Amino acid sequence: MPRPVLDGALEPMLASSKPSNGYFLRAESFFGVASFVDSGGIFSPDLSLYGDVPLHQQSHGQSFLALAANRFGGRSLCVLDEPEAALSVTGALALLAIVVRAARAGGQFIVATHSPILLGCPDARIYERRARPRALRLRRSRRLRLTRGFLQAPERFIRAALEEPETGH
């Protein structure tokens, strides 16, 4: 029997059909995934499942997007931990498009992100993790407010970041 997670904020539901595909990916482990895919070993997947170009022959962002474009689809469950780590702003927008298309085809995504771009995913449920998780709208997200504040006054944020911390001695 599925149990609620995140202090009851999310409650898994059993459906009449199961996902036919899935992916769990942490930004830190992508190099290992790419090495396994590219190895050509007896147990490694066919490279056609990843766009036919060896992942290590592409940039980090390009290879990550190749994986997403070729592996994320309808009737899938994908759990992604900070996928924006490998991506530029345009890469994050490309990933957003891949996720939206897959979700519209029936895919489900659980994404831990700091990216205001990925938080902008249409129809996404956003939960902010604090002492107790809570659902919120994009415009109320701390990530978006910080990014917006930085873009409006970068010098203020840079000055604050460069200030010497006060010592308690």
N, C-alpha and C. Protein backbone atom coordinates (compact mmCIF):
# COMPACT_ATOMS: atom_id res chain seq x y z
N MET A 1 0.84 -1.18 0.00
CA MET A 1 0.00 0.00 0.00
C MET A 1 0.89 1.25 0.00
N PRO A 2 0.73 2.15 -0.96
CA PRO A 2 1.55 3.36 -0.99
C PRO A 2 1.32 4.23 0.24
N ARG A 3 2.38 4.85 0.70
CA ARG A 3 2.29 5.72 1.87
C ARG A 3 2.63 7.16 1.47
N PRO A 4 1.99 8.13 2.13
CA PRO A 4 2.30 9.53 1.85
C PRO A 4 3.76 9.84 2.16
N VAL A 5 4.31 10.79 1.41
CA VAL A 5 5.69 11.25 1.63
C VAL A 5 5.70 12.76 1.79
N LEU A 6 6.83 13.30 2.14
CA LEU A 6 6.98 14.74 2.37
C LEU A 6 5.94 15.24 3.36
N ASP A 7 5.89 14.59 4.50
CA ASP A 7 4.96 14.96 5.57
C ASP A 7 3.51 15.02 5.08
N GLY A 8 3.16 14.11 4.18
CA GLY A 8 1.79 14.03 3.69
C GLY A 8 1.49 14.94 2.51
N ALA A 9 2.47 15.72 2.03
CA ALA A 9 2.24 16.63 0.91
C ALA A 9 1.99 15.86 -0.39
N LEU A 10 2.60 14.69 -0.53
CA LEU A 10 2.40 13.86 -1.71
C LEU A 10 1.90 12.49 -1.28
N GLU A 11 0.89 12.03 -1.97
CA GLU A 11 0.35 10.71 -1.66
C GLU A 11 0.27 9.90 -2.95
N PRO A 12 1.13 8.88 -3.10
CA PRO A 12 1.08 8.05 -4.31
C PRO A 12 -0.27 7.36 -4.45
N MET A 13 -0.71 7.22 -5.68
CA MET A 13 -1.98 6.54 -5.95
C MET A 13 -1.72 5.40 -6.92
N LEU A 14 -2.34 4.27 -6.66
CA LEU A 14 -2.24 3.15 -7.57
C LEU A 14 -3.19 3.39 -8.73
N ALA A 15 -2.72 3.06 -9.93
CA ALA A 15 -3.54 3.22 -11.13
C ALA A 15 -3.71 1.85 -11.78
N SER A 16 -4.58 1.79 -12.76
CA SER A 16 -4.84 0.52 -13.43
C SER A 16 -3.67 0.12 -14.33
N SER A 17 -2.83 1.08 -14.71
CA SER A 17 -1.66 0.76 -15.53
C SER A 17 -0.40 1.25 -14.84
N LYS A 18 0.71 0.59 -15.13
CA LYS A 18 1.99 0.96 -14.55
C LYS A 18 2.80 1.72 -15.60
N PRO A 19 3.75 2.54 -15.14
CA PRO A 19 4.66 3.17 -16.10
C PRO A 19 5.40 2.09 -16.88
N SER A 20 5.58 2.31 -18.18
CA SER A 20 6.31 1.34 -18.98
C SER A 20 7.79 1.66 -19.06
N ASN A 21 8.16 2.82 -18.55
CA ASN A 21 9.55 3.25 -18.59
C ASN A 21 9.80 4.14 -17.38
N GLY A 22 11.02 4.27 -17.01
CA GLY A 22 11.34 5.15 -15.89
C GLY A 22 12.80 5.52 -15.90
N TYR A 23 13.10 6.56 -15.16
CA TYR A 23 14.49 7.00 -15.07
C TYR A 23 14.70 7.69 -13.74
N PHE A 24 15.81 7.38 -13.09
CA PHE A 24 16.24 8.10 -11.91
C PHE A 24 17.60 8.66 -12.24
N LEU A 25 17.76 9.97 -12.10
CA LEU A 25 19.02 10.57 -12.49
C LEU A 25 19.40 11.69 -11.54
N ARG A 26 20.59 11.57 -11.00
CA ARG A 26 21.18 12.63 -10.19
C ARG A 26 22.26 13.29 -11.04
N ALA A 27 22.37 14.59 -10.93
CA ALA A 27 23.38 15.32 -11.69
C ALA A 27 24.77 14.74 -11.44
N GLU A 28 25.06 14.38 -10.19
CA GLU A 28 26.39 13.89 -9.83
C GLU A 28 26.71 12.54 -10.47
N SER A 29 25.71 11.76 -10.82
CA SER A 29 25.96 10.42 -11.33
C SER A 29 25.90 10.34 -12.85
N PHE A 30 25.68 11.45 -13.52
CA PHE A 30 25.50 11.40 -14.97
C PHE A 30 26.76 10.92 -15.70
N PHE A 31 27.94 11.29 -15.23
CA PHE A 31 29.17 10.84 -15.87
C PHE A 31 29.21 9.32 -15.90
N GLY A 32 28.84 8.69 -14.80
CA GLY A 32 28.82 7.23 -14.74
C GLY A 32 27.80 6.63 -15.68
N VAL A 33 26.64 7.26 -15.78
CA VAL A 33 25.61 6.80 -16.71
C VAL A 33 26.14 6.88 -18.14
N ALA A 34 26.74 8.03 -18.48
CA ALA A 34 27.27 8.21 -19.83
C ALA A 34 28.37 7.19 -20.13
N SER A 35 29.22 6.92 -19.16
CA SER A 35 30.30 5.94 -19.35
C SER A 35 29.71 4.55 -19.61
N PHE A 36 28.68 4.19 -18.86
CA PHE A 36 28.03 2.89 -19.03
C PHE A 36 27.38 2.79 -20.41
N VAL A 37 26.65 3.84 -20.81
CA VAL A 37 25.99 3.83 -22.12
C VAL A 37 27.02 3.72 -23.24
N ASP A 38 28.12 4.46 -23.12
CA ASP A 38 29.14 4.50 -24.17
C ASP A 38 30.05 3.27 -24.19
N SER A 39 30.02 2.46 -23.15
CA SER A 39 31.00 1.37 -23.01
C SER A 39 30.87 0.29 -24.08
N GLY A 40 29.68 0.10 -24.62
CA GLY A 40 29.50 -0.94 -25.62
C GLY A 40 29.60 -2.35 -25.05
N GLY A 41 29.54 -2.44 -23.73
CA GLY A 41 29.64 -3.74 -23.08
C GLY A 41 28.40 -4.59 -23.32
N ILE A 42 28.49 -5.83 -22.91
CA ILE A 42 27.40 -6.78 -23.13
C ILE A 42 26.09 -6.33 -22.46
N PHE A 43 26.19 -5.63 -21.33
CA PHE A 43 25.00 -5.20 -20.62
C PHE A 43 24.65 -3.74 -20.86
N SER A 44 25.46 -3.03 -21.60
CA SER A 44 25.16 -1.61 -21.84
C SER A 44 24.03 -1.49 -22.85
N PRO A 45 23.22 -0.43 -22.72
CA PRO A 45 22.08 -0.26 -23.64
C PRO A 45 22.55 0.11 -25.05
N ASP A 46 21.70 -0.14 -25.99
CA ASP A 46 21.99 0.23 -27.37
C ASP A 46 22.07 1.75 -27.48
N LEU A 47 23.07 2.24 -28.14
CA LEU A 47 23.29 3.69 -28.26
C LEU A 47 22.13 4.39 -28.96
N SER A 48 21.35 3.65 -29.77
CA SER A 48 20.20 4.27 -30.44
C SER A 48 19.17 4.77 -29.44
N LEU A 49 19.16 4.20 -28.23
CA LEU A 49 18.24 4.66 -27.19
C LEU A 49 18.62 6.03 -26.64
N TYR A 50 19.79 6.51 -27.03
CA TYR A 50 20.30 7.80 -26.53
C TYR A 50 20.64 8.75 -27.67
N GLY A 51 20.14 8.49 -28.86
CA GLY A 51 20.34 9.40 -29.98
C GLY A 51 21.46 9.04 -30.93
N ASP A 52 22.07 7.87 -30.77
CA ASP A 52 23.10 7.34 -31.68
C ASP A 52 24.46 8.04 -31.63
N VAL A 53 24.64 9.06 -30.80
CA VAL A 53 25.93 9.73 -30.68
C VAL A 53 26.46 9.42 -29.28
N PRO A 54 27.69 8.89 -29.18
CA PRO A 54 28.23 8.60 -27.85
C PRO A 54 28.12 9.83 -26.94
N LEU A 55 27.67 9.60 -25.72
CA LEU A 55 27.40 10.71 -24.81
C LEU A 55 28.67 11.48 -24.44
N HIS A 56 29.80 10.78 -24.33
CA HIS A 56 31.05 11.46 -23.98
C HIS A 56 31.64 12.24 -25.16
N GLN A 57 31.07 12.10 -26.35
CA GLN A 57 31.52 12.90 -27.49
C GLN A 57 30.73 14.20 -27.60
N GLN A 58 29.85 14.43 -26.65
CA GLN A 58 29.04 15.66 -26.61
C GLN A 58 29.40 16.42 -25.34
N SER A 59 29.00 17.69 -25.29
CA SER A 59 29.20 18.44 -24.05
C SER A 59 28.31 17.82 -22.97
N HIS A 60 28.58 18.19 -21.72
CA HIS A 60 27.78 17.68 -20.61
C HIS A 60 26.30 18.00 -20.84
N GLY A 61 25.99 19.25 -21.18
CA GLY A 61 24.60 19.65 -21.40
C GLY A 61 23.97 18.95 -22.59
N GLN A 62 24.72 18.85 -23.70
CA GLN A 62 24.18 18.18 -24.89
C GLN A 62 23.88 16.71 -24.62
N SER A 63 24.79 16.04 -23.90
CA SER A 63 24.56 14.62 -23.63
C SER A 63 23.39 14.42 -22.68
N PHE A 64 23.24 15.33 -21.70
CA PHE A 64 22.10 15.23 -20.80
C PHE A 64 20.79 15.42 -21.57
N LEU A 65 20.75 16.40 -22.47
CA LEU A 65 19.54 16.63 -23.27
C LEU A 65 19.28 15.47 -24.23
N ALA A 66 20.35 14.83 -24.75
CA ALA A 66 20.17 13.66 -25.61
C ALA A 66 19.50 12.53 -24.82
N LEU A 67 19.97 12.33 -23.59
CA LEU A 67 19.35 11.31 -22.74
C LEU A 67 17.87 11.65 -22.52
N ALA A 68 17.59 12.89 -22.13
CA ALA A 68 16.21 13.30 -21.84
C ALA A 68 15.31 13.17 -23.07
N ALA A 69 15.79 13.66 -24.21
CA ALA A 69 14.98 13.64 -25.43
C ALA A 69 14.67 12.22 -25.90
N ASN A 70 15.58 11.30 -25.63
CA ASN A 70 15.40 9.95 -26.13
C ASN A 70 14.85 8.97 -25.11
N ARG A 71 14.89 9.31 -23.82
CA ARG A 71 14.45 8.37 -22.79
C ARG A 71 13.20 8.79 -22.03
N PHE A 72 12.88 10.09 -22.00
CA PHE A 72 11.70 10.55 -21.27
C PHE A 72 10.51 10.56 -22.22
N GLY A 73 9.44 9.89 -21.85
CA GLY A 73 8.28 9.84 -22.72
C GLY A 73 7.01 9.57 -21.94
N GLY A 74 5.95 9.32 -22.70
CA GLY A 74 4.66 9.01 -22.10
C GLY A 74 4.73 7.71 -21.34
N ARG A 75 3.84 7.55 -20.38
CA ARG A 75 3.75 6.36 -19.53
C ARG A 75 5.09 6.06 -18.87
N SER A 76 5.78 7.12 -18.45
CA SER A 76 7.04 6.93 -17.75
C SER A 76 7.00 7.65 -16.41
N LEU A 77 7.89 7.25 -15.53
CA LEU A 77 8.07 7.94 -14.26
C LEU A 77 9.54 8.29 -14.17
N CYS A 78 9.83 9.58 -14.13
CA CYS A 78 11.21 10.06 -14.10
C CYS A 78 11.43 10.87 -12.83
N VAL A 79 12.47 10.50 -12.11
CA VAL A 79 12.85 11.21 -10.88
C VAL A 79 14.20 11.86 -11.17
N LEU A 80 14.23 13.18 -11.11
CA LEU A 80 15.43 13.94 -11.47
C LEU A 80 15.89 14.80 -10.29
N ASP A 81 17.16 14.70 -9.98
CA ASP A 81 17.74 15.48 -8.89
C ASP A 81 18.66 16.53 -9.49
N GLU A 82 18.25 17.77 -9.43
CA GLU A 82 18.99 18.92 -9.93
C GLU A 82 19.46 18.75 -11.37
N PRO A 83 18.54 18.49 -12.29
CA PRO A 83 18.94 18.28 -13.69
C PRO A 83 19.53 19.54 -14.33
N GLU A 84 19.28 20.70 -13.75
CA GLU A 84 19.79 21.95 -14.33
C GLU A 84 21.30 22.10 -14.18
N ALA A 85 21.93 21.25 -13.36
CA ALA A 85 23.37 21.38 -13.09
C ALA A 85 24.20 21.33 -14.37
N ALA A 86 23.76 20.58 -15.35
CA ALA A 86 24.52 20.43 -16.59
C ALA A 86 24.11 21.43 -17.66
N LEU A 87 23.12 22.28 -17.37
CA LEU A 87 22.48 23.03 -18.45
C LEU A 87 22.65 24.54 -18.38
N SER A 88 22.78 25.14 -19.54
CA SER A 88 22.73 26.59 -19.67
C SER A 88 21.26 27.01 -19.59
N VAL A 89 21.00 28.29 -19.71
CA VAL A 89 19.61 28.76 -19.70
C VAL A 89 18.85 28.16 -20.89
N THR A 90 19.46 28.16 -22.08
CA THR A 90 18.77 27.58 -23.23
C THR A 90 18.61 26.07 -23.07
N GLY A 91 19.58 25.43 -22.43
CA GLY A 91 19.45 24.00 -22.15
C GLY A 91 18.32 23.71 -21.18
N ALA A 92 18.18 24.56 -20.16
CA ALA A 92 17.07 24.38 -19.21
C ALA A 92 15.73 24.55 -19.91
N LEU A 93 15.66 25.50 -20.83
CA LEU A 93 14.41 25.68 -21.61
C LEU A 93 14.14 24.46 -22.49
N ALA A 94 15.21 23.90 -23.08
CA ALA A 94 15.05 22.69 -23.90
C ALA A 94 14.56 21.52 -23.04
N LEU A 95 15.13 21.37 -21.84
CA LEU A 95 14.68 20.31 -20.93
C LEU A 95 13.23 20.53 -20.53
N LEU A 96 12.86 21.77 -20.26
CA LEU A 96 11.47 22.08 -19.92
C LEU A 96 10.54 21.62 -21.04
N ALA A 97 10.91 21.88 -22.29
CA ALA A 97 10.07 21.46 -23.43
C ALA A 97 9.96 19.94 -23.49
N ILE A 98 11.06 19.23 -23.24
CA ILE A 98 11.04 17.76 -23.26
C ILE A 98 10.12 17.24 -22.16
N VAL A 99 10.24 17.81 -20.97
CA VAL A 99 9.41 17.37 -19.83
C VAL A 99 7.93 17.64 -20.11
N VAL A 100 7.61 18.82 -20.64
CA VAL A 100 6.21 19.16 -20.91
C VAL A 100 5.63 18.21 -21.95
N ARG A 101 6.37 17.94 -23.03
CA ARG A 101 5.87 17.02 -24.05
C ARG A 101 5.64 15.63 -23.47
N ALA A 102 6.59 15.16 -22.67
CA ALA A 102 6.44 13.82 -22.07
C ALA A 102 5.27 13.79 -21.10
N ALA A 103 5.10 14.85 -20.31
CA ALA A 103 3.97 14.90 -19.36
C ALA A 103 2.64 14.93 -20.10
N ARG A 104 2.57 15.65 -21.19
CA ARG A 104 1.32 15.69 -21.97
C ARG A 104 1.01 14.34 -22.61
N ALA A 105 2.05 13.51 -22.78
CA ALA A 105 1.86 12.17 -23.33
C ALA A 105 1.64 11.14 -22.22
N GLY A 106 1.56 11.59 -20.96
CA GLY A 106 1.26 10.69 -19.85
C GLY A 106 2.43 10.43 -18.92
N GLY A 107 3.58 11.03 -19.17
CA GLY A 107 4.72 10.86 -18.28
C GLY A 107 4.54 11.62 -16.98
N GLN A 108 5.19 11.13 -15.95
CA GLN A 108 5.15 11.80 -14.65
C GLN A 108 6.58 12.09 -14.22
N PHE A 109 6.76 13.25 -13.58
CA PHE A 109 8.09 13.69 -13.18
C PHE A 109 8.09 14.16 -11.74
N ILE A 110 9.11 13.77 -11.04
CA ILE A 110 9.40 14.31 -9.71
C ILE A 110 10.78 14.93 -9.87
N VAL A 111 10.86 16.24 -9.69
CA VAL A 111 12.10 16.96 -9.97
C VAL A 111 12.48 17.80 -8.76
N ALA A 112 13.69 17.60 -8.26
CA ALA A 112 14.26 18.46 -7.23
C ALA A 112 15.12 19.48 -7.97
N THR A 113 14.77 20.76 -7.88
CA THR A 113 15.47 21.76 -8.67
C THR A 113 15.59 23.08 -7.94
N HIS A 114 16.60 23.85 -8.35
CA HIS A 114 16.76 25.23 -7.90
C HIS A 114 16.48 26.17 -9.06
N SER A 115 16.14 25.63 -10.21
CA SER A 115 15.98 26.41 -11.43
C SER A 115 14.60 27.05 -11.53
N PRO A 116 14.54 28.39 -11.59
CA PRO A 116 13.24 29.02 -11.79
C PRO A 116 12.65 28.68 -13.16
N ILE A 117 13.50 28.32 -14.11
CA ILE A 117 13.00 27.92 -15.43
C ILE A 117 12.23 26.61 -15.31
N LEU A 118 12.82 25.62 -14.66
CA LEU A 118 12.13 24.33 -14.51
C LEU A 118 10.92 24.45 -13.59
N LEU A 119 11.00 25.36 -12.62
CA LEU A 119 9.83 25.59 -11.76
C LEU A 119 8.65 26.16 -12.55
N GLY A 120 8.94 26.76 -13.72
CA GLY A 120 7.90 27.34 -14.56
C GLY A 120 7.16 26.33 -15.41
N CYS A 121 7.39 25.07 -15.20
CA CYS A 121 6.73 24.02 -15.99
C CYS A 121 5.21 24.15 -15.87
N PRO A 122 4.51 24.31 -17.00
CA PRO A 122 3.04 24.45 -16.94
C PRO A 122 2.39 23.27 -16.21
N ASP A 123 1.43 23.58 -15.40
CA ASP A 123 0.62 22.59 -14.67
C ASP A 123 1.41 21.80 -13.62
N ALA A 124 2.63 22.24 -13.29
CA ALA A 124 3.42 21.55 -12.27
C ALA A 124 2.89 21.88 -10.89
N ARG A 125 3.00 20.92 -10.00
CA ARG A 125 2.75 21.18 -8.58
C ARG A 125 4.10 21.45 -7.96
N ILE A 126 4.24 22.60 -7.35
CA ILE A 126 5.52 23.01 -6.77
C ILE A 126 5.42 22.90 -5.26
N TYR A 127 6.41 22.23 -4.68
CA TYR A 127 6.49 22.12 -3.24
C TYR A 127 7.83 22.70 -2.82
N GLU A 128 7.79 23.57 -1.84
CA GLU A 128 9.01 24.15 -1.31
C GLU A 128 9.34 23.41 -0.03
N ARG A 129 10.56 22.95 0.04
CA ARG A 129 10.98 22.16 1.19
C ARG A 129 11.56 23.08 2.26
N ARG A 130 10.89 23.19 3.34
CA ARG A 130 11.37 23.94 4.50
C ARG A 130 11.19 23.02 5.69
N ALA A 131 10.87 23.55 6.85
CA ALA A 131 10.63 22.69 8.02
C ALA A 131 9.52 21.70 7.69
N ARG A 132 8.51 22.18 6.98
CA ARG A 132 7.40 21.34 6.54
C ARG A 132 7.09 21.69 5.09
N PRO A 133 7.09 20.71 4.18
CA PRO A 133 6.84 21.01 2.77
C PRO A 133 5.48 21.68 2.58
N ARG A 134 5.44 22.61 1.64
CA ARG A 134 4.17 23.26 1.35
C ARG A 134 4.05 23.53 -0.14
N ALA A 135 2.85 23.41 -0.64
CA ALA A 135 2.59 23.69 -2.05
C ALA A 135 2.52 25.20 -2.24
N LEU A 136 3.00 25.66 -3.39
CA LEU A 136 2.93 27.09 -3.67
C LEU A 136 2.89 27.34 -5.16
N ARG A 137 2.59 28.55 -5.53
CA ARG A 137 2.58 28.96 -6.94
C ARG A 137 3.97 29.47 -7.31
N LEU A 138 4.29 29.42 -8.58
CA LEU A 138 5.61 29.83 -9.05
C LEU A 138 5.97 31.23 -8.57
N ARG A 139 5.08 32.18 -8.70
CA ARG A 139 5.41 33.57 -8.36
C ARG A 139 5.72 33.74 -6.87
N ARG A 140 5.32 32.77 -6.04
CA ARG A 140 5.59 32.83 -4.60
C ARG A 140 6.85 32.04 -4.23
N SER A 141 7.48 31.43 -5.21
CA SER A 141 8.65 30.61 -4.91
C SER A 141 9.86 31.48 -4.57
N ARG A 142 10.57 31.06 -3.58
CA ARG A 142 11.77 31.79 -3.13
C ARG A 142 12.80 31.83 -4.25
N ARG A 143 12.94 30.76 -5.00
CA ARG A 143 13.91 30.71 -6.11
C ARG A 143 13.62 31.78 -7.15
N LEU A 144 12.35 31.93 -7.52
CA LEU A 144 12.00 32.94 -8.52
C LEU A 144 12.22 34.34 -7.97
N ARG A 145 11.84 34.57 -6.73
CA ARG A 145 12.03 35.91 -6.14
C ARG A 145 13.51 36.28 -6.08
N LEU A 146 14.37 35.34 -5.69
CA LEU A 146 15.81 35.61 -5.63
C LEU A 146 16.38 35.89 -7.02
N THR A 147 15.99 35.08 -8.01
CA THR A 147 16.49 35.29 -9.36
C THR A 147 16.02 36.64 -9.90
N ARG A 148 14.76 36.95 -9.71
CA ARG A 148 14.22 38.23 -10.16
C ARG A 148 14.95 39.39 -9.48
N GLY A 149 15.18 39.27 -8.17
CA GLY A 149 15.89 40.32 -7.44
C GLY A 149 17.31 40.49 -7.97
N PHE A 150 18.00 39.39 -8.25
CA PHE A 150 19.35 39.48 -8.79
C PHE A 150 19.35 40.17 -10.14
N LEU A 151 18.42 39.80 -11.02
CA LEU A 151 18.38 40.39 -12.35
C LEU A 151 18.04 41.88 -12.31
N GLN A 152 17.26 42.31 -11.32
CA GLN A 152 16.90 43.72 -11.19
C GLN A 152 18.02 44.55 -10.57
N ALA A 153 18.85 43.97 -9.71
CA ALA A 153 19.91 44.72 -9.03
C ALA A 153 21.11 43.81 -8.75
N PRO A 154 21.81 43.36 -9.80
CA PRO A 154 22.91 42.42 -9.58
C PRO A 154 24.01 42.98 -8.68
N GLU A 155 24.26 44.27 -8.80
CA GLU A 155 25.33 44.86 -7.99
C GLU A 155 25.06 44.72 -6.50
N ARG A 156 23.80 44.83 -6.10
CA ARG A 156 23.46 44.67 -4.68
C ARG A 156 23.76 43.25 -4.19
N PHE A 157 23.42 42.25 -4.98
CA PHE A 157 23.66 40.86 -4.59
C PHE A 157 25.16 40.55 -4.59
N ILE A 158 25.88 41.06 -5.57
CA ILE A 158 27.32 40.82 -5.63
C ILE A 158 28.02 41.49 -4.46
N ARG A 159 27.63 42.72 -4.15
CA ARG A 159 28.22 43.42 -3.01
C ARG A 159 27.98 42.63 -1.71
N ALA A 160 26.77 42.14 -1.52
CA ALA A 160 26.45 41.37 -0.31
C ALA A 160 27.24 40.06 -0.27
N ALA A 161 27.42 39.42 -1.41
CA ALA A 161 28.16 38.16 -1.43
C ALA A 161 29.64 38.37 -1.15
N LEU A 162 30.16 39.53 -1.51
CA LEU A 162 31.59 39.80 -1.33
C LEU A 162 31.94 40.41 0.01
N GLU A 163 30.92 40.77 0.80
CA GLU A 163 31.20 41.33 2.13
C GLU A 163 31.86 40.28 2.99
N GLU A 164 32.80 40.75 3.79
CA GLU A 164 33.47 39.86 4.73
C GLU A 164 32.50 39.51 5.85
N PRO A 165 32.41 38.23 6.18
CA PRO A 165 31.52 37.86 7.31
C PRO A 165 32.08 38.39 8.62
N GLU A 166 31.18 38.79 9.48
CA GLU A 166 31.60 39.27 10.80
C GLU A 166 32.04 38.08 11.63
N THR A 167 33.15 38.27 12.35
CA THR A 167 33.62 37.20 13.21
C THR A 167 33.16 37.50 14.64
N GLY A 168 32.89 36.48 15.37
CA GLY A 168 32.36 36.63 16.73
C GLY A 168 33.44 36.69 17.78
N HIS A 169 34.69 37.00 17.40
CA HIS A 169 35.80 36.99 18.37
C HIS A 169 35.92 38.33 19.06
